[in-house]
């Protein structure tokens, strides 16, 4: 049996990738808020809605964990919630609830505008 030895060099690749994906979804959500609030719903809004829906399915299938987290776990012994992503620990810990609330607000804005 081989012993687990952290390889932080590989984590240096996974952590920025995970953060870039997180940033992409933040920009997508911000764009969707803007277009929903201004009533400028177009194809990009619906593409964003589809991508966020796919992200929700991926998270659900992976027990509400990003698929990159178990990969990163192989290369780190860190137990913090943000060991595999650059945002602060409190945000990594609470991201599912924060983004769920934001998405619900987005849907409410879409329907009332």
Protein backbone atom coordinates (compact mmCIF):
# COMPACT_ATOMS: atom_id res chain seq x y z
CA UNK A 1 0.00 0.00 0.00
CA UNK A 2 1.35 3.41 -0.92
CA UNK A 3 1.33 6.25 1.54
CA UNK A 4 -0.43 9.51 0.65
CA UNK A 5 2.16 12.20 0.12
CA UNK A 6 0.86 15.71 -0.62
CA UNK A 7 2.05 17.12 -3.94
CA UNK A 8 1.55 20.86 -3.67
CA UNK A 9 2.91 21.39 -7.17
CA UNK A 10 -0.17 19.68 -8.62
CA UNK A 11 -2.43 21.67 -6.30
CA UNK A 12 -0.93 24.83 -7.83
CA UNK A 13 -2.67 23.80 -11.08
CA UNK A 14 -6.02 22.73 -9.58
CA UNK A 15 -6.50 25.73 -7.29
CA UNK A 16 -6.26 28.41 -10.04
CA UNK A 17 -8.45 26.31 -12.35
CA UNK A 18 -11.11 25.94 -9.66
CA UNK A 19 -10.92 29.68 -8.95
CA UNK A 20 -11.25 30.56 -12.65
CA UNK A 21 -14.38 28.42 -12.93
CA UNK A 22 -15.75 30.08 -9.78
CA UNK A 23 -15.01 33.54 -11.25
CA UNK A 24 -16.71 32.57 -14.52
CA UNK A 25 -19.89 31.67 -12.67
CA UNK A 26 -19.73 34.89 -10.65
CA UNK A 27 -19.44 36.98 -13.83
CA UNK A 28 -22.25 34.94 -15.41
CA UNK A 29 -24.50 35.51 -12.39
CA UNK A 30 -23.68 39.24 -12.30
CA UNK A 31 -24.47 39.55 -16.02
CA UNK A 32 -27.75 37.72 -15.49
CA UNK A 33 -28.66 40.09 -12.63
CA UNK A 34 -27.89 43.08 -14.84
CA UNK A 35 -29.89 41.86 -17.81
CA UNK A 36 -32.78 40.73 -15.65
CA UNK A 37 -32.92 44.05 -13.78
CA UNK A 38 -32.72 46.13 -16.98
CA UNK A 39 -35.11 43.89 -18.89
CA UNK A 40 -32.49 43.13 -21.54
CA UNK A 41 -32.98 39.37 -21.50
CA UNK A 42 -31.32 37.75 -24.48
CA UNK A 43 -29.64 34.55 -25.59
CA UNK A 44 -26.67 35.08 -23.22
CA UNK A 45 -29.06 35.18 -20.26
CA UNK A 46 -30.49 31.80 -21.27
CA UNK A 47 -27.04 30.36 -21.91
CA UNK A 48 -26.09 31.51 -18.39
CA UNK A 49 -29.26 29.95 -16.99
CA UNK A 50 -28.40 26.68 -18.73
CA UNK A 51 -24.81 26.73 -17.45
CA UNK A 52 -25.91 27.43 -13.88
CA UNK A 53 -28.50 24.66 -14.18
CA UNK A 54 -25.79 22.26 -15.37
CA UNK A 55 -23.56 23.35 -12.49
CA UNK A 56 -26.39 22.61 -10.05
CA UNK A 57 -26.81 19.12 -11.55
CA UNK A 58 -23.06 18.48 -11.35
CA UNK A 59 -22.95 19.61 -7.72
CA UNK A 60 -26.01 17.52 -6.83
CA UNK A 61 -24.57 14.39 -8.45
CA UNK A 62 -21.30 14.96 -6.54
CA UNK A 63 -23.01 15.37 -3.13
CA UNK A 64 -22.83 19.19 -3.30
CA UNK A 65 -19.08 19.15 -3.87
CA UNK A 66 -17.25 20.48 -6.90
CA UNK A 67 -15.69 17.57 -8.85
CA UNK A 68 -12.33 19.34 -8.62
CA UNK A 69 -12.32 19.13 -4.80
CA UNK A 70 -11.68 15.36 -4.56
CA UNK A 71 -8.95 15.72 -7.19
CA UNK A 72 -7.32 18.52 -5.17
CA UNK A 73 -7.76 16.49 -1.96
CA UNK A 74 -5.28 13.94 -3.37
CA UNK A 75 -2.60 16.63 -3.38
CA UNK A 76 -3.20 18.32 -0.02
CA UNK A 77 -3.74 17.43 3.61
CA UNK A 78 -5.33 20.83 4.31
CA UNK A 79 -8.78 20.60 5.92
CA UNK A 80 -9.89 24.20 5.37
CA UNK A 81 -12.90 24.74 3.11
CA UNK A 82 -10.86 26.88 0.73
CA UNK A 83 -7.81 24.63 0.41
CA UNK A 84 -8.60 24.15 -3.29
CA UNK A 85 -9.81 27.65 -4.21
CA UNK A 86 -8.58 31.21 -3.57
CA UNK A 87 -11.71 32.93 -2.16
CA UNK A 88 -11.79 33.33 1.65
CA UNK A 89 -12.60 30.33 3.83
CA UNK A 90 -15.97 31.72 5.02
CA UNK A 91 -17.09 32.12 1.38
CA UNK A 92 -15.92 28.64 0.40
CA UNK A 93 -17.71 27.18 3.43
CA UNK A 94 -21.00 28.97 2.69
CA UNK A 95 -20.95 29.18 -1.09
CA UNK A 96 -23.81 26.75 -1.75
CA UNK A 97 -26.25 28.67 0.46
CA UNK A 98 -25.03 32.10 -0.73
CA UNK A 99 -25.33 31.27 -4.41
CA UNK A 100 -28.65 29.48 -3.93
CA UNK A 101 -30.09 32.63 -2.32
CA UNK A 102 -28.63 34.81 -5.09
CA UNK A 103 -30.10 32.54 -7.76
CA UNK A 104 -33.54 32.62 -6.11
CA UNK A 105 -33.34 36.45 -5.97
CA UNK A 106 -32.38 36.46 -9.66
CA UNK A 107 -35.42 34.37 -10.55
CA UNK A 108 -37.69 36.66 -8.49
CA UNK A 109 -36.28 39.73 -10.27
CA UNK A 110 -36.81 38.04 -13.64
CA UNK A 111 -40.46 37.36 -12.89
CA UNK A 112 -41.32 40.75 -11.34
CA UNK A 113 -39.59 42.90 -13.96
